[in-house]
Amino acid sequence: MQKKLRLRNRADFSRVYRHGKSFANHQFVVYWSYKKDIEQFRVGISVSKKIGNAVVRNRLRRQVKEIVRSHQHEIAKHMDIIFIVRKGALGKSYQELERSVLHVLRKSSLLKPKKG
């Protein structure tokens, strides 16, 4: 994922948590907030130590980043988005995680409408 698409600042995370909206399923919680001064969207990913050791957490983080990167043309612009990984994501295949991420984005209206 490109650096300009990352949400890294503690203040930005706090703003999204405080003023944003959220939606959840068994594997993920997604928080989002509109931000008009960014041209695309930015993504932050949070994986708690309760999920597992550093290897497990980083693998889940990398998989979510890759899912977002591969579907970035479908995600709405001018948004700050935070994914929180839940224990339900442990042991899931990449395809199951991808379906779950797309489900939570669709339900939160963060995917662009399909043309045609």
N, C-alpha and C. Protein backbone atom coordinates (compact mmCIF):
# COMPACT_ATOMS: atom_id res chain seq x y z
N MET A 1 0.85 -1.18 0.00
CA MET A 1 0.00 0.00 0.00
C MET A 1 0.90 1.24 0.00
N GLN A 2 0.51 2.22 -0.78
CA GLN A 2 1.31 3.44 -0.89
C GLN A 2 1.29 4.21 0.43
N LYS A 3 2.38 4.95 0.68
CA LYS A 3 2.47 5.71 1.93
C LYS A 3 1.37 6.75 2.07
N LYS A 4 0.97 7.36 0.94
CA LYS A 4 -0.06 8.40 1.02
C LYS A 4 -1.43 7.83 1.38
N LEU A 5 -1.58 6.51 1.28
CA LEU A 5 -2.85 5.88 1.61
C LEU A 5 -2.90 5.37 3.05
N ARG A 6 -1.82 5.60 3.82
CA ARG A 6 -1.77 5.10 5.19
C ARG A 6 -2.22 6.15 6.19
N LEU A 7 -2.92 5.71 7.18
CA LEU A 7 -3.35 6.54 8.29
C LEU A 7 -2.46 6.16 9.47
N ARG A 8 -1.59 7.07 9.90
CA ARG A 8 -0.59 6.70 10.91
C ARG A 8 -0.60 7.57 12.16
N ASN A 9 -1.10 8.76 12.05
CA ASN A 9 -1.05 9.74 13.12
C ASN A 9 -2.03 9.39 14.25
N ARG A 10 -1.59 9.47 15.48
CA ARG A 10 -2.48 9.21 16.62
C ARG A 10 -3.66 10.17 16.63
N ALA A 11 -3.42 11.42 16.28
CA ALA A 11 -4.51 12.41 16.25
C ALA A 11 -5.56 12.04 15.20
N ASP A 12 -5.12 11.53 14.05
CA ASP A 12 -6.07 11.11 13.01
C ASP A 12 -6.90 9.92 13.48
N PHE A 13 -6.25 8.95 14.12
CA PHE A 13 -6.98 7.80 14.66
C PHE A 13 -8.02 8.27 15.67
N SER A 14 -7.61 9.16 16.57
CA SER A 14 -8.53 9.66 17.60
C SER A 14 -9.71 10.40 16.98
N ARG A 15 -9.44 11.20 15.95
CA ARG A 15 -10.52 11.94 15.28
C ARG A 15 -11.53 10.99 14.66
N VAL A 16 -11.04 9.94 14.00
CA VAL A 16 -11.94 8.98 13.36
C VAL A 16 -12.75 8.22 14.42
N TYR A 17 -12.10 7.80 15.51
CA TYR A 17 -12.82 7.10 16.57
C TYR A 17 -13.88 8.00 17.20
N ARG A 18 -13.54 9.27 17.45
CA ARG A 18 -14.42 10.18 18.14
C ARG A 18 -15.59 10.65 17.28
N HIS A 19 -15.30 11.05 16.03
CA HIS A 19 -16.32 11.69 15.21
C HIS A 19 -16.82 10.83 14.07
N GLY A 20 -16.24 9.65 13.89
CA GLY A 20 -16.61 8.81 12.76
C GLY A 20 -17.77 7.88 13.08
N LYS A 21 -18.14 7.12 12.08
CA LYS A 21 -19.19 6.11 12.22
C LYS A 21 -18.53 4.74 12.20
N SER A 22 -19.28 3.72 12.58
CA SER A 22 -18.68 2.39 12.61
C SER A 22 -19.68 1.33 12.19
N PHE A 23 -19.13 0.21 11.76
CA PHE A 23 -19.91 -0.98 11.44
C PHE A 23 -19.02 -2.18 11.75
N ALA A 24 -19.64 -3.30 12.12
CA ALA A 24 -18.83 -4.47 12.49
C ALA A 24 -19.47 -5.75 11.99
N ASN A 25 -18.62 -6.74 11.76
CA ASN A 25 -19.08 -8.12 11.57
C ASN A 25 -18.21 -8.98 12.49
N HIS A 26 -18.20 -10.29 12.31
CA HIS A 26 -17.48 -11.15 13.25
C HIS A 26 -15.95 -11.02 13.15
N GLN A 27 -15.45 -10.61 11.99
CA GLN A 27 -14.00 -10.55 11.80
C GLN A 27 -13.43 -9.14 11.94
N PHE A 28 -14.20 -8.10 11.63
CA PHE A 28 -13.66 -6.74 11.58
C PHE A 28 -14.65 -5.73 12.15
N VAL A 29 -14.10 -4.64 12.67
CA VAL A 29 -14.85 -3.42 12.95
C VAL A 29 -14.24 -2.37 12.05
N VAL A 30 -15.06 -1.59 11.37
CA VAL A 30 -14.54 -0.53 10.53
C VAL A 30 -15.11 0.80 11.03
N TYR A 31 -14.22 1.76 11.25
CA TYR A 31 -14.58 3.13 11.57
C TYR A 31 -14.23 3.98 10.37
N TRP A 32 -15.07 4.95 10.04
CA TRP A 32 -14.73 5.83 8.92
C TRP A 32 -15.22 7.23 9.21
N SER A 33 -14.54 8.17 8.59
CA SER A 33 -14.85 9.58 8.74
C SER A 33 -14.54 10.29 7.43
N TYR A 34 -15.40 11.20 7.03
CA TYR A 34 -15.20 11.97 5.81
C TYR A 34 -14.13 13.03 6.06
N LYS A 35 -13.23 13.20 5.10
CA LYS A 35 -12.19 14.22 5.19
C LYS A 35 -11.99 14.79 3.79
N LYS A 36 -12.49 16.01 3.57
CA LYS A 36 -12.54 16.56 2.22
C LYS A 36 -11.18 16.98 1.66
N ASP A 37 -10.17 17.21 2.50
CA ASP A 37 -8.90 17.73 1.99
C ASP A 37 -7.91 16.65 1.56
N ILE A 38 -8.32 15.39 1.53
CA ILE A 38 -7.47 14.33 0.97
C ILE A 38 -8.08 13.88 -0.35
N GLU A 39 -7.23 13.56 -1.33
CA GLU A 39 -7.75 13.25 -2.66
C GLU A 39 -8.28 11.84 -2.79
N GLN A 40 -7.78 10.89 -2.02
CA GLN A 40 -8.23 9.52 -2.15
C GLN A 40 -8.81 9.07 -0.82
N PHE A 41 -8.33 8.03 -0.26
CA PHE A 41 -8.73 7.58 1.06
C PHE A 41 -7.47 7.16 1.80
N ARG A 42 -7.55 7.10 3.13
CA ARG A 42 -6.43 6.62 3.93
C ARG A 42 -6.93 5.50 4.82
N VAL A 43 -6.06 4.51 5.05
CA VAL A 43 -6.46 3.34 5.82
C VAL A 43 -5.49 3.12 6.97
N GLY A 44 -6.03 2.83 8.13
CA GLY A 44 -5.26 2.41 9.29
C GLY A 44 -5.77 1.05 9.74
N ILE A 45 -4.88 0.22 10.25
CA ILE A 45 -5.26 -1.12 10.67
C ILE A 45 -4.76 -1.34 12.09
N SER A 46 -5.66 -1.80 12.94
CA SER A 46 -5.32 -2.04 14.34
C SER A 46 -5.58 -3.51 14.67
N VAL A 47 -4.55 -4.15 15.23
CA VAL A 47 -4.68 -5.55 15.64
C VAL A 47 -4.19 -5.64 17.09
N SER A 48 -5.07 -6.02 17.98
CA SER A 48 -4.76 -6.06 19.40
C SER A 48 -3.81 -7.21 19.74
N LYS A 49 -3.09 -7.06 20.84
CA LYS A 49 -2.22 -8.14 21.32
C LYS A 49 -3.02 -9.36 21.75
N LYS A 50 -4.31 -9.18 21.99
CA LYS A 50 -5.17 -10.31 22.35
C LYS A 50 -5.31 -11.30 21.19
N ILE A 51 -5.08 -10.83 19.98
CA ILE A 51 -5.23 -11.67 18.79
C ILE A 51 -4.12 -12.72 18.71
N GLY A 52 -2.91 -12.34 19.08
CA GLY A 52 -1.80 -13.29 19.01
C GLY A 52 -0.47 -12.58 19.10
N ASN A 53 0.59 -13.32 18.81
CA ASN A 53 1.92 -12.71 18.89
C ASN A 53 2.17 -11.82 17.67
N ALA A 54 3.34 -11.22 17.59
CA ALA A 54 3.65 -10.25 16.54
C ALA A 54 3.56 -10.86 15.15
N VAL A 55 3.96 -12.11 15.01
CA VAL A 55 3.91 -12.77 13.70
C VAL A 55 2.47 -12.86 13.20
N VAL A 56 1.57 -13.27 14.08
CA VAL A 56 0.16 -13.41 13.72
C VAL A 56 -0.45 -12.05 13.40
N ARG A 57 -0.18 -11.07 14.27
CA ARG A 57 -0.74 -9.73 14.06
C ARG A 57 -0.26 -9.12 12.77
N ASN A 58 1.03 -9.23 12.48
CA ASN A 58 1.58 -8.65 11.25
C ASN A 58 1.06 -9.36 10.01
N ARG A 59 0.87 -10.67 10.07
CA ARG A 59 0.32 -11.39 8.93
C ARG A 59 -1.10 -10.89 8.62
N LEU A 60 -1.92 -10.75 9.66
CA LEU A 60 -3.28 -10.24 9.46
C LEU A 60 -3.26 -8.81 8.90
N ARG A 61 -2.36 -7.99 9.43
CA ARG A 61 -2.24 -6.61 8.96
C ARG A 61 -1.85 -6.58 7.48
N ARG A 62 -0.88 -7.41 7.10
CA ARG A 62 -0.45 -7.47 5.69
C ARG A 62 -1.57 -7.95 4.79
N GLN A 63 -2.33 -8.93 5.24
CA GLN A 63 -3.42 -9.45 4.41
C GLN A 63 -4.50 -8.39 4.21
N VAL A 64 -4.86 -7.66 5.26
CA VAL A 64 -5.87 -6.61 5.12
C VAL A 64 -5.36 -5.50 4.20
N LYS A 65 -4.09 -5.13 4.33
CA LYS A 65 -3.51 -4.11 3.44
C LYS A 65 -3.58 -4.55 1.99
N GLU A 66 -3.28 -5.81 1.72
CA GLU A 66 -3.31 -6.32 0.35
C GLU A 66 -4.74 -6.35 -0.19
N ILE A 67 -5.70 -6.71 0.63
CA ILE A 67 -7.10 -6.70 0.21
C ILE A 67 -7.52 -5.29 -0.16
N VAL A 68 -7.18 -4.32 0.69
CA VAL A 68 -7.53 -2.93 0.41
C VAL A 68 -6.81 -2.45 -0.85
N ARG A 69 -5.54 -2.80 -1.02
CA ARG A 69 -4.80 -2.37 -2.20
C ARG A 69 -5.42 -2.94 -3.47
N SER A 70 -5.82 -4.19 -3.43
CA SER A 70 -6.37 -4.81 -4.63
C SER A 70 -7.77 -4.29 -4.98
N HIS A 71 -8.46 -3.68 -4.02
CA HIS A 71 -9.80 -3.15 -4.26
C HIS A 71 -9.85 -1.64 -4.10
N GLN A 72 -8.71 -0.96 -4.20
CA GLN A 72 -8.68 0.47 -3.91
C GLN A 72 -9.50 1.29 -4.91
N HIS A 73 -9.67 0.80 -6.13
CA HIS A 73 -10.46 1.53 -7.11
C HIS A 73 -11.95 1.47 -6.79
N GLU A 74 -12.37 0.58 -5.90
CA GLU A 74 -13.78 0.43 -5.54
C GLU A 74 -14.15 1.21 -4.28
N ILE A 75 -13.16 1.68 -3.53
CA ILE A 75 -13.41 2.32 -2.24
C ILE A 75 -13.64 3.82 -2.44
N ALA A 76 -14.62 4.36 -1.71
CA ALA A 76 -14.99 5.76 -1.82
C ALA A 76 -13.82 6.68 -1.48
N LYS A 77 -13.76 7.83 -2.14
CA LYS A 77 -12.69 8.78 -1.92
C LYS A 77 -13.01 9.69 -0.73
N HIS A 78 -12.00 10.45 -0.31
CA HIS A 78 -12.14 11.45 0.77
C HIS A 78 -12.57 10.83 2.10
N MET A 79 -12.04 9.65 2.41
CA MET A 79 -12.40 8.97 3.64
C MET A 79 -11.14 8.56 4.40
N ASP A 80 -11.23 8.63 5.71
CA ASP A 80 -10.25 7.99 6.59
C ASP A 80 -10.94 6.75 7.15
N ILE A 81 -10.30 5.60 6.99
CA ILE A 81 -10.90 4.33 7.35
C ILE A 81 -9.96 3.59 8.30
N ILE A 82 -10.52 3.04 9.37
CA ILE A 82 -9.74 2.24 10.32
C ILE A 82 -10.38 0.86 10.41
N PHE A 83 -9.56 -0.17 10.21
CA PHE A 83 -10.00 -1.55 10.40
C PHE A 83 -9.46 -2.04 11.73
N ILE A 84 -10.33 -2.61 12.55
CA ILE A 84 -9.91 -3.28 13.77
C ILE A 84 -10.17 -4.77 13.56
N VAL A 85 -9.13 -5.55 13.68
CA VAL A 85 -9.24 -6.99 13.44
C VAL A 85 -9.72 -7.66 14.73
N ARG A 86 -10.74 -8.50 14.61
CA ARG A 86 -11.27 -9.24 15.75
C ARG A 86 -10.75 -10.68 15.74
N LYS A 87 -10.97 -11.38 16.86
CA LYS A 87 -10.50 -12.76 16.97
C LYS A 87 -11.12 -13.68 15.93
N GLY A 88 -12.28 -13.33 15.42
CA GLY A 88 -12.95 -14.14 14.40
C GLY A 88 -12.15 -14.26 13.12
N ALA A 89 -11.19 -13.36 12.90
CA ALA A 89 -10.38 -13.40 11.69
C ALA A 89 -9.26 -14.44 11.78
N LEU A 90 -8.97 -14.93 12.97
CA LEU A 90 -7.92 -15.93 13.13
C LEU A 90 -8.30 -17.22 12.43
N GLY A 91 -7.36 -17.78 11.71
CA GLY A 91 -7.58 -19.06 11.07
C GLY A 91 -8.39 -19.00 9.78
N LYS A 92 -8.76 -17.81 9.35
CA LYS A 92 -9.52 -17.66 8.10
C LYS A 92 -8.56 -17.64 6.93
N SER A 93 -9.01 -18.14 5.80
CA SER A 93 -8.21 -18.08 4.58
C SER A 93 -8.25 -16.66 4.02
N TYR A 94 -7.36 -16.39 3.08
CA TYR A 94 -7.30 -15.07 2.46
C TYR A 94 -8.63 -14.74 1.79
N GLN A 95 -9.23 -15.71 1.11
CA GLN A 95 -10.49 -15.47 0.41
C GLN A 95 -11.62 -15.15 1.40
N GLU A 96 -11.63 -15.82 2.53
CA GLU A 96 -12.65 -15.53 3.55
C GLU A 96 -12.45 -14.14 4.13
N LEU A 97 -11.19 -13.76 4.38
CA LEU A 97 -10.92 -12.42 4.88
C LEU A 97 -11.33 -11.37 3.85
N GLU A 98 -11.04 -11.64 2.58
CA GLU A 98 -11.41 -10.69 1.52
C GLU A 98 -12.92 -10.51 1.47
N ARG A 99 -13.67 -11.61 1.53
CA ARG A 99 -15.13 -11.52 1.53
C ARG A 99 -15.63 -10.72 2.73
N SER A 100 -15.01 -10.93 3.88
CA SER A 100 -15.42 -10.24 5.10
C SER A 100 -15.12 -8.74 5.03
N VAL A 101 -13.94 -8.37 4.50
CA VAL A 101 -13.59 -6.95 4.36
C VAL A 101 -14.56 -6.29 3.40
N LEU A 102 -14.82 -6.92 2.26
CA LEU A 102 -15.75 -6.33 1.29
C LEU A 102 -17.16 -6.23 1.86
N HIS A 103 -17.55 -7.22 2.67
CA HIS A 103 -18.87 -7.17 3.30
C HIS A 103 -18.99 -5.96 4.23
N VAL A 104 -17.99 -5.76 5.07
CA VAL A 104 -18.06 -4.67 6.04
C VAL A 104 -17.99 -3.31 5.31
N LEU A 105 -17.22 -3.23 4.23
CA LEU A 105 -17.16 -1.98 3.45
C LEU A 105 -18.49 -1.73 2.74
N ARG A 106 -19.10 -2.77 2.19
CA ARG A 106 -20.37 -2.62 1.49
C ARG A 106 -21.46 -2.17 2.45
N LYS A 107 -21.53 -2.79 3.62
CA LYS A 107 -22.55 -2.47 4.61
C LYS A 107 -22.39 -1.05 5.18
N SER A 108 -21.16 -0.56 5.18
CA SER A 108 -20.92 0.78 5.68
C SER A 108 -20.95 1.82 4.57
N SER A 109 -21.34 1.41 3.37
CA SER A 109 -21.48 2.29 2.19
C SER A 109 -20.16 2.95 1.81
N LEU A 110 -19.06 2.24 1.95
CA LEU A 110 -17.76 2.77 1.58
C LEU A 110 -17.28 2.28 0.22
N LEU A 111 -18.07 1.42 -0.43
CA LEU A 111 -17.74 0.99 -1.78
C LEU A 111 -18.51 1.84 -2.78
N LYS A 112 -17.85 2.19 -3.88
CA LYS A 112 -18.50 2.96 -4.92
C LYS A 112 -19.58 2.10 -5.55
N PRO A 113 -20.69 2.73 -6.00
CA PRO A 113 -21.72 1.92 -6.67
C PRO A 113 -21.19 1.34 -7.97
N LYS A 114 -21.63 0.13 -8.27
CA LYS A 114 -21.18 -0.53 -9.51
C LYS A 114 -21.88 0.09 -10.70
N LYS A 115 -21.11 0.27 -11.78
CA LYS A 115 -21.69 0.83 -13.00
C LYS A 115 -22.31 -0.28 -13.81
N GLY A 116 -23.47 0.07 -14.41
CA GLY A 116 -24.11 -0.89 -15.30
C GLY A 116 -25.13 -1.69 -14.67
